[in-house]
N, C-alpha and C. Protein backbone atom coordinates (compact mmCIF):
# COMPACT_ATOMS: atom_id res chain seq x y z
N MET A 1 0.84 -1.19 0.00
CA MET A 1 0.00 0.00 0.00
C MET A 1 0.88 1.24 0.00
N SER A 2 0.55 2.16 -0.85
CA SER A 2 1.28 3.41 -0.95
C SER A 2 1.06 4.27 0.29
N HIS A 3 2.05 5.07 0.60
CA HIS A 3 1.89 6.04 1.69
C HIS A 3 1.74 7.45 1.13
N ARG A 4 1.66 7.55 -0.20
CA ARG A 4 1.51 8.86 -0.83
C ARG A 4 0.10 9.39 -0.58
N ILE A 5 0.04 10.68 -0.36
CA ILE A 5 -1.24 11.35 -0.20
C ILE A 5 -1.32 12.46 -1.25
N ALA A 6 -2.40 12.43 -2.02
CA ALA A 6 -2.61 13.44 -3.05
C ALA A 6 -3.41 14.60 -2.46
N ILE A 7 -3.23 15.75 -3.06
CA ILE A 7 -4.04 16.92 -2.71
C ILE A 7 -4.73 17.41 -3.98
N VAL A 8 -6.04 17.58 -3.89
CA VAL A 8 -6.81 18.18 -4.97
C VAL A 8 -7.21 19.57 -4.49
N ILE A 9 -6.82 20.59 -5.25
CA ILE A 9 -7.07 21.97 -4.82
C ILE A 9 -7.87 22.74 -5.86
N SER A 10 -8.90 23.39 -5.40
CA SER A 10 -9.73 24.24 -6.25
C SER A 10 -9.04 25.57 -6.48
N ARG A 11 -9.03 26.03 -7.73
CA ARG A 11 -8.44 27.33 -8.04
C ARG A 11 -9.39 28.49 -7.71
N PHE A 12 -10.69 28.21 -7.61
CA PHE A 12 -11.66 29.27 -7.31
C PHE A 12 -11.41 29.77 -5.88
N ASN A 13 -11.43 31.06 -5.68
CA ASN A 13 -11.09 31.68 -4.39
C ASN A 13 -9.64 31.35 -4.01
N GLU A 14 -8.75 31.53 -4.98
CA GLU A 14 -7.35 31.11 -4.84
C GLU A 14 -6.61 31.76 -3.67
N LYS A 15 -6.97 32.98 -3.31
CA LYS A 15 -6.31 33.62 -2.17
C LYS A 15 -6.59 32.85 -0.89
N VAL A 16 -7.73 32.21 -0.83
CA VAL A 16 -8.09 31.39 0.33
C VAL A 16 -7.48 30.00 0.19
N THR A 17 -7.65 29.38 -0.97
CA THR A 17 -7.21 27.99 -1.12
C THR A 17 -5.70 27.84 -1.07
N SER A 18 -4.96 28.88 -1.44
CA SER A 18 -3.49 28.79 -1.34
C SER A 18 -3.07 28.67 0.13
N GLY A 19 -3.76 29.36 1.02
CA GLY A 19 -3.47 29.22 2.45
C GLY A 19 -3.82 27.84 2.97
N LEU A 20 -4.93 27.30 2.49
CA LEU A 20 -5.31 25.93 2.87
C LEU A 20 -4.27 24.93 2.39
N LEU A 21 -3.78 25.12 1.17
CA LEU A 21 -2.76 24.23 0.62
C LEU A 21 -1.49 24.28 1.46
N ASN A 22 -1.06 25.48 1.82
CA ASN A 22 0.14 25.60 2.65
C ASN A 22 -0.04 24.87 3.98
N GLY A 23 -1.20 25.02 4.58
CA GLY A 23 -1.48 24.33 5.84
C GLY A 23 -1.48 22.82 5.69
N ALA A 24 -2.12 22.34 4.63
CA ALA A 24 -2.18 20.89 4.40
C ALA A 24 -0.79 20.32 4.16
N LYS A 25 0.00 20.98 3.33
CA LYS A 25 1.36 20.50 3.05
C LYS A 25 2.21 20.48 4.31
N ALA A 26 2.10 21.52 5.12
CA ALA A 26 2.87 21.58 6.37
C ALA A 26 2.47 20.45 7.31
N GLU A 27 1.18 20.22 7.46
CA GLU A 27 0.70 19.17 8.36
C GLU A 27 1.15 17.79 7.88
N LEU A 28 1.04 17.55 6.58
CA LEU A 28 1.45 16.24 6.05
C LEU A 28 2.95 16.04 6.23
N ALA A 29 3.74 17.07 5.98
CA ALA A 29 5.20 16.95 6.17
C ALA A 29 5.53 16.65 7.63
N GLU A 30 4.86 17.35 8.55
CA GLU A 30 5.10 17.13 9.98
C GLU A 30 4.72 15.71 10.41
N ARG A 31 3.78 15.11 9.71
CA ARG A 31 3.32 13.77 10.06
C ARG A 31 4.02 12.68 9.23
N GLY A 32 5.07 13.06 8.50
CA GLY A 32 5.84 12.08 7.76
C GLY A 32 5.30 11.72 6.39
N HIS A 33 4.46 12.58 5.83
CA HIS A 33 3.89 12.36 4.50
C HIS A 33 4.13 13.59 3.62
N PRO A 34 5.39 13.94 3.33
CA PRO A 34 5.61 15.12 2.50
C PRO A 34 4.97 14.93 1.12
N VAL A 35 4.44 16.02 0.59
CA VAL A 35 3.72 15.97 -0.69
C VAL A 35 4.58 16.61 -1.77
N ALA A 36 4.84 15.85 -2.83
CA ALA A 36 5.58 16.38 -3.97
C ALA A 36 4.63 17.23 -4.82
N ASP A 37 5.19 18.19 -5.55
CA ASP A 37 4.37 19.02 -6.43
C ASP A 37 3.57 18.18 -7.42
N ALA A 38 4.13 17.05 -7.84
CA ALA A 38 3.45 16.17 -8.79
C ALA A 38 2.21 15.52 -8.18
N ASP A 39 2.09 15.56 -6.86
CA ASP A 39 0.94 14.95 -6.18
C ASP A 39 -0.12 15.98 -5.81
N ILE A 40 -0.01 17.18 -6.37
CA ILE A 40 -1.00 18.23 -6.16
C ILE A 40 -1.72 18.46 -7.49
N PHE A 41 -3.04 18.35 -7.46
CA PHE A 41 -3.84 18.41 -8.67
C PHE A 41 -4.83 19.57 -8.59
N ASP A 42 -4.71 20.51 -9.54
CA ASP A 42 -5.59 21.67 -9.58
C ASP A 42 -6.88 21.35 -10.32
N VAL A 43 -7.98 21.88 -9.81
CA VAL A 43 -9.27 21.79 -10.49
C VAL A 43 -9.88 23.19 -10.50
N PRO A 44 -10.81 23.46 -11.42
CA PRO A 44 -11.38 24.81 -11.49
C PRO A 44 -12.11 25.25 -10.23
N GLY A 45 -12.93 24.37 -9.66
CA GLY A 45 -13.71 24.73 -8.49
C GLY A 45 -13.98 23.53 -7.61
N ALA A 46 -14.66 23.76 -6.50
CA ALA A 46 -14.96 22.68 -5.55
C ALA A 46 -15.78 21.57 -6.20
N PHE A 47 -16.68 21.92 -7.09
CA PHE A 47 -17.56 20.95 -7.72
C PHE A 47 -16.79 19.87 -8.48
N GLU A 48 -15.61 20.20 -8.96
CA GLU A 48 -14.81 19.24 -9.73
C GLU A 48 -13.93 18.35 -8.86
N THR A 49 -13.86 18.61 -7.57
CA THR A 49 -12.98 17.81 -6.72
C THR A 49 -13.37 16.34 -6.62
N PRO A 50 -14.66 15.98 -6.54
CA PRO A 50 -14.98 14.55 -6.38
C PRO A 50 -14.50 13.67 -7.54
N VAL A 51 -14.68 14.11 -8.77
CA VAL A 51 -14.30 13.25 -9.90
C VAL A 51 -12.79 13.06 -9.96
N VAL A 52 -12.02 14.10 -9.67
CA VAL A 52 -10.57 13.97 -9.68
C VAL A 52 -10.11 13.13 -8.49
N ALA A 53 -10.73 13.33 -7.34
CA ALA A 53 -10.39 12.51 -6.17
C ALA A 53 -10.67 11.03 -6.45
N LYS A 54 -11.76 10.75 -7.13
CA LYS A 54 -12.09 9.35 -7.44
C LYS A 54 -11.05 8.74 -8.37
N LYS A 55 -10.68 9.46 -9.41
CA LYS A 55 -9.67 8.93 -10.34
C LYS A 55 -8.34 8.69 -9.62
N LEU A 56 -7.96 9.60 -8.73
CA LEU A 56 -6.72 9.42 -7.97
C LEU A 56 -6.82 8.20 -7.06
N ALA A 57 -7.93 8.05 -6.38
CA ALA A 57 -8.12 6.91 -5.48
C ALA A 57 -8.07 5.60 -6.26
N GLU A 58 -8.62 5.59 -7.45
CA GLU A 58 -8.67 4.37 -8.26
C GLU A 58 -7.32 3.97 -8.85
N THR A 59 -6.36 4.89 -8.90
CA THR A 59 -5.05 4.55 -9.48
C THR A 59 -4.28 3.54 -8.63
N GLY A 60 -4.57 3.50 -7.33
CA GLY A 60 -3.81 2.64 -6.43
C GLY A 60 -2.47 3.24 -6.04
N LYS A 61 -2.19 4.44 -6.51
CA LYS A 61 -0.91 5.09 -6.21
C LYS A 61 -0.96 5.91 -4.92
N PHE A 62 -2.16 6.17 -4.42
CA PHE A 62 -2.31 7.05 -3.26
C PHE A 62 -3.06 6.35 -2.14
N ALA A 63 -2.58 6.55 -0.92
CA ALA A 63 -3.25 5.99 0.25
C ALA A 63 -4.44 6.85 0.66
N GLY A 64 -4.38 8.14 0.35
CA GLY A 64 -5.46 9.05 0.70
C GLY A 64 -5.44 10.28 -0.17
N VAL A 65 -6.53 11.03 -0.11
CA VAL A 65 -6.67 12.25 -0.89
C VAL A 65 -7.22 13.35 0.02
N VAL A 66 -6.56 14.50 0.00
CA VAL A 66 -7.02 15.67 0.73
C VAL A 66 -7.59 16.65 -0.29
N CYS A 67 -8.85 17.02 -0.13
CA CYS A 67 -9.49 17.95 -1.07
C CYS A 67 -9.64 19.31 -0.41
N ILE A 68 -9.23 20.34 -1.14
CA ILE A 68 -9.19 21.70 -0.61
C ILE A 68 -9.95 22.63 -1.56
N GLY A 69 -10.76 23.49 -0.97
CA GLY A 69 -11.50 24.47 -1.75
C GLY A 69 -12.16 25.48 -0.84
N ALA A 70 -12.83 26.43 -1.45
CA ALA A 70 -13.55 27.45 -0.67
C ALA A 70 -14.79 27.88 -1.44
N VAL A 71 -15.94 27.64 -0.82
CA VAL A 71 -17.21 28.08 -1.38
C VAL A 71 -17.75 29.15 -0.43
N ILE A 72 -17.86 30.36 -0.93
CA ILE A 72 -18.30 31.49 -0.10
C ILE A 72 -19.68 31.92 -0.57
N LYS A 73 -20.60 32.04 0.36
CA LYS A 73 -21.98 32.35 0.03
C LYS A 73 -22.09 33.69 -0.68
N GLY A 74 -22.88 33.68 -1.74
CA GLY A 74 -23.19 34.91 -2.47
C GLY A 74 -24.67 35.22 -2.31
N ASP A 75 -25.25 35.81 -3.34
CA ASP A 75 -26.65 36.23 -3.29
C ASP A 75 -27.63 35.21 -3.84
N THR A 76 -27.13 34.07 -4.31
CA THR A 76 -28.02 33.07 -4.90
C THR A 76 -27.88 31.73 -4.18
N ALA A 77 -28.66 30.76 -4.60
CA ALA A 77 -28.64 29.43 -4.00
C ALA A 77 -27.45 28.59 -4.47
N HIS A 78 -26.63 29.11 -5.35
CA HIS A 78 -25.48 28.38 -5.89
C HIS A 78 -24.62 27.80 -4.78
N PHE A 79 -24.39 28.55 -3.73
CA PHE A 79 -23.60 28.12 -2.57
C PHE A 79 -24.11 26.80 -2.01
N GLU A 80 -25.42 26.71 -1.80
CA GLU A 80 -26.00 25.50 -1.23
C GLU A 80 -25.83 24.30 -2.16
N TYR A 81 -26.08 24.50 -3.45
CA TYR A 81 -25.95 23.40 -4.41
C TYR A 81 -24.52 22.88 -4.49
N ILE A 82 -23.57 23.78 -4.60
CA ILE A 82 -22.17 23.37 -4.72
C ILE A 82 -21.69 22.71 -3.44
N SER A 83 -21.99 23.31 -2.30
CA SER A 83 -21.53 22.76 -1.02
C SER A 83 -22.07 21.35 -0.79
N GLU A 84 -23.37 21.18 -0.96
CA GLU A 84 -24.00 19.88 -0.71
C GLU A 84 -23.50 18.82 -1.70
N ALA A 85 -23.47 19.16 -2.98
CA ALA A 85 -23.04 18.18 -3.99
C ALA A 85 -21.58 17.77 -3.78
N THR A 86 -20.74 18.72 -3.44
CA THR A 86 -19.32 18.42 -3.24
C THR A 86 -19.12 17.54 -2.02
N ALA A 87 -19.76 17.87 -0.92
CA ALA A 87 -19.64 17.06 0.30
C ALA A 87 -20.13 15.64 0.05
N HIS A 88 -21.27 15.52 -0.59
CA HIS A 88 -21.82 14.19 -0.88
C HIS A 88 -20.90 13.43 -1.84
N GLY A 89 -20.42 14.11 -2.87
CA GLY A 89 -19.55 13.46 -3.85
C GLY A 89 -18.26 12.94 -3.23
N LEU A 90 -17.65 13.73 -2.37
CA LEU A 90 -16.40 13.29 -1.74
C LEU A 90 -16.64 12.11 -0.79
N MET A 91 -17.73 12.13 -0.07
CA MET A 91 -18.05 10.99 0.81
C MET A 91 -18.27 9.73 -0.02
N GLN A 92 -18.96 9.86 -1.15
CA GLN A 92 -19.19 8.71 -2.02
C GLN A 92 -17.88 8.14 -2.53
N VAL A 93 -16.95 9.00 -2.91
CA VAL A 93 -15.64 8.53 -3.38
C VAL A 93 -14.97 7.70 -2.30
N SER A 94 -14.97 8.20 -1.10
CA SER A 94 -14.33 7.49 0.00
C SER A 94 -15.00 6.15 0.26
N LEU A 95 -16.32 6.13 0.29
CA LEU A 95 -17.04 4.88 0.55
C LEU A 95 -16.87 3.87 -0.59
N GLU A 96 -16.88 4.34 -1.83
CA GLU A 96 -16.77 3.44 -2.98
C GLU A 96 -15.37 2.89 -3.17
N THR A 97 -14.35 3.66 -2.82
CA THR A 97 -12.98 3.23 -3.08
C THR A 97 -12.27 2.67 -1.85
N GLY A 98 -12.77 2.99 -0.67
CA GLY A 98 -12.10 2.58 0.56
C GLY A 98 -10.87 3.41 0.88
N ILE A 99 -10.69 4.49 0.16
CA ILE A 99 -9.55 5.40 0.35
C ILE A 99 -10.04 6.63 1.11
N PRO A 100 -9.36 7.03 2.18
CA PRO A 100 -9.78 8.25 2.88
C PRO A 100 -9.70 9.48 1.98
N VAL A 101 -10.79 10.19 1.89
CA VAL A 101 -10.86 11.44 1.13
C VAL A 101 -11.34 12.50 2.11
N SER A 102 -10.45 13.40 2.49
CA SER A 102 -10.83 14.37 3.52
C SER A 102 -11.44 15.62 2.90
N PHE A 103 -12.35 16.21 3.65
CA PHE A 103 -13.15 17.35 3.20
C PHE A 103 -12.54 18.64 3.74
N GLY A 104 -11.66 19.23 2.95
CA GLY A 104 -11.05 20.50 3.31
C GLY A 104 -11.65 21.63 2.48
N ILE A 105 -12.94 21.51 2.19
CA ILE A 105 -13.64 22.53 1.42
C ILE A 105 -14.33 23.47 2.40
N LEU A 106 -13.87 24.70 2.46
CA LEU A 106 -14.53 25.68 3.32
C LEU A 106 -15.90 26.02 2.74
N THR A 107 -16.89 26.13 3.58
CA THR A 107 -18.22 26.58 3.18
C THR A 107 -18.59 27.70 4.15
N THR A 108 -18.26 28.92 3.77
CA THR A 108 -18.42 30.05 4.69
C THR A 108 -19.44 31.05 4.17
N TYR A 109 -19.95 31.84 5.10
CA TYR A 109 -20.92 32.87 4.74
C TYR A 109 -20.26 34.16 4.28
N THR A 110 -18.99 34.36 4.67
CA THR A 110 -18.28 35.58 4.27
C THR A 110 -16.84 35.26 3.88
N ALA A 111 -16.27 36.17 3.11
CA ALA A 111 -14.85 36.02 2.75
C ALA A 111 -13.98 36.12 4.00
N GLU A 112 -14.37 36.96 4.94
CA GLU A 112 -13.61 37.11 6.18
C GLU A 112 -13.51 35.77 6.92
N GLN A 113 -14.62 35.04 7.00
CA GLN A 113 -14.60 33.72 7.64
C GLN A 113 -13.64 32.78 6.91
N ALA A 114 -13.62 32.85 5.59
CA ALA A 114 -12.73 31.99 4.80
C ALA A 114 -11.27 32.33 5.06
N PHE A 115 -10.95 33.63 5.12
CA PHE A 115 -9.56 34.03 5.37
C PHE A 115 -9.10 33.61 6.77
N ILE A 116 -9.97 33.70 7.74
CA ILE A 116 -9.62 33.27 9.10
C ILE A 116 -9.28 31.78 9.11
N ARG A 117 -10.04 30.99 8.37
CA ARG A 117 -9.87 29.53 8.37
C ARG A 117 -8.73 29.07 7.46
N SER A 118 -8.16 29.99 6.69
CA SER A 118 -7.04 29.62 5.81
C SER A 118 -5.74 30.30 6.22
N ALA A 119 -5.76 31.01 7.34
CA ALA A 119 -4.55 31.70 7.83
C ALA A 119 -3.52 30.68 8.30
N GLU A 120 -2.28 31.11 8.34
CA GLU A 120 -1.20 30.21 8.76
C GLU A 120 -1.12 30.18 10.28
N ASP A 121 -2.12 29.56 10.90
CA ASP A 121 -2.14 29.40 12.35
C ASP A 121 -2.89 28.11 12.70
N ARG A 122 -3.19 27.93 13.96
CA ARG A 122 -3.81 26.68 14.40
C ARG A 122 -5.24 26.49 13.90
N HIS A 123 -5.85 27.55 13.34
CA HIS A 123 -7.22 27.46 12.85
C HIS A 123 -7.28 27.03 11.38
N ASN A 124 -6.15 26.79 10.75
CA ASN A 124 -6.10 26.47 9.32
C ASN A 124 -6.81 25.14 9.05
N LYS A 125 -7.86 25.21 8.23
CA LYS A 125 -8.66 24.02 7.94
C LYS A 125 -7.97 23.09 6.94
N GLY A 126 -6.98 23.58 6.21
CA GLY A 126 -6.18 22.70 5.36
C GLY A 126 -5.38 21.74 6.22
N ARG A 127 -4.82 22.27 7.30
CA ARG A 127 -4.12 21.42 8.27
C ARG A 127 -5.06 20.36 8.83
N GLU A 128 -6.26 20.78 9.21
CA GLU A 128 -7.22 19.85 9.80
C GLU A 128 -7.61 18.75 8.81
N ALA A 129 -7.80 19.12 7.55
CA ALA A 129 -8.16 18.12 6.54
C ALA A 129 -7.03 17.12 6.33
N ALA A 130 -5.80 17.61 6.31
CA ALA A 130 -4.64 16.72 6.17
C ALA A 130 -4.52 15.79 7.36
N ALA A 131 -4.71 16.33 8.56
CA ALA A 131 -4.65 15.52 9.78
C ALA A 131 -5.73 14.45 9.76
N ALA A 132 -6.93 14.82 9.32
CA ALA A 132 -8.03 13.86 9.26
C ALA A 132 -7.71 12.71 8.32
N CYS A 133 -7.08 13.00 7.20
CA CYS A 133 -6.72 11.97 6.23
C CYS A 133 -5.71 11.00 6.84
N VAL A 134 -4.67 11.53 7.47
CA VAL A 134 -3.64 10.68 8.08
C VAL A 134 -4.23 9.84 9.21
N GLU A 135 -5.09 10.44 10.02
CA GLU A 135 -5.70 9.71 11.13
C GLU A 135 -6.67 8.64 10.64
N ALA A 136 -7.37 8.91 9.55
CA ALA A 136 -8.25 7.89 8.96
C ALA A 136 -7.42 6.73 8.43
N LEU A 137 -6.26 7.03 7.83
CA LEU A 137 -5.37 5.96 7.36
C LEU A 137 -4.91 5.09 8.52
N ALA A 138 -4.58 5.71 9.64
CA ALA A 138 -4.15 4.95 10.82
C ALA A 138 -5.28 4.07 11.33
N ALA A 139 -6.49 4.60 11.35
CA ALA A 139 -7.64 3.81 11.80
C ALA A 139 -7.89 2.62 10.88
N LEU A 140 -7.80 2.85 9.57
CA LEU A 140 -8.00 1.75 8.61
C LEU A 140 -6.92 0.69 8.74
N SER A 141 -5.69 1.12 9.01
CA SER A 141 -4.60 0.18 9.22
C SER A 141 -4.85 -0.68 10.45
N LYS A 142 -5.35 -0.05 11.49
CA LYS A 142 -5.68 -0.79 12.72
C LYS A 142 -6.80 -1.79 12.48
N VAL A 143 -7.80 -1.39 11.71
CA VAL A 143 -8.90 -2.30 11.37
C VAL A 143 -8.37 -3.49 10.58
N ALA A 144 -7.48 -3.23 9.63
CA ALA A 144 -6.94 -4.30 8.79
C ALA A 144 -6.14 -5.31 9.59
N SER A 145 -5.51 -4.86 10.67
CA SER A 145 -4.69 -5.77 11.46
C SER A 145 -5.44 -6.35 12.67
N ALA A 146 -6.70 -6.01 12.81
CA ALA A 146 -7.49 -6.51 13.96
C ALA A 146 -7.87 -7.97 13.78
């Protein structure tokens, strides 16, 4: 089993997602899973993360996938549709493939909330998504050896 972890990052709201990416990479490196640039995959928006995560999981080259994005509420229902579909899609990928796919997609009501959650501090949700992926891998390993 590979110990590589892929990151899928949405380019939409890039000022936010770049902070999430930095947090995720730092957390993975600290936990012994450094991420090479070749293991980072850009997608246009959060909605595209599930299909790319699924293809990565199916390759057998990655033990887990961390998905990063930012959906910030606007004046229409678009926020709700994208947030719900993306969350559901990523969960389906994880359940169908057996590969941990962590949800590092911010769903905030304001840009300010998104910037707070992507800052380089202990509140960084990219770090949390990376930690969740590594911890899920450890739990699955324990289940396999039980």
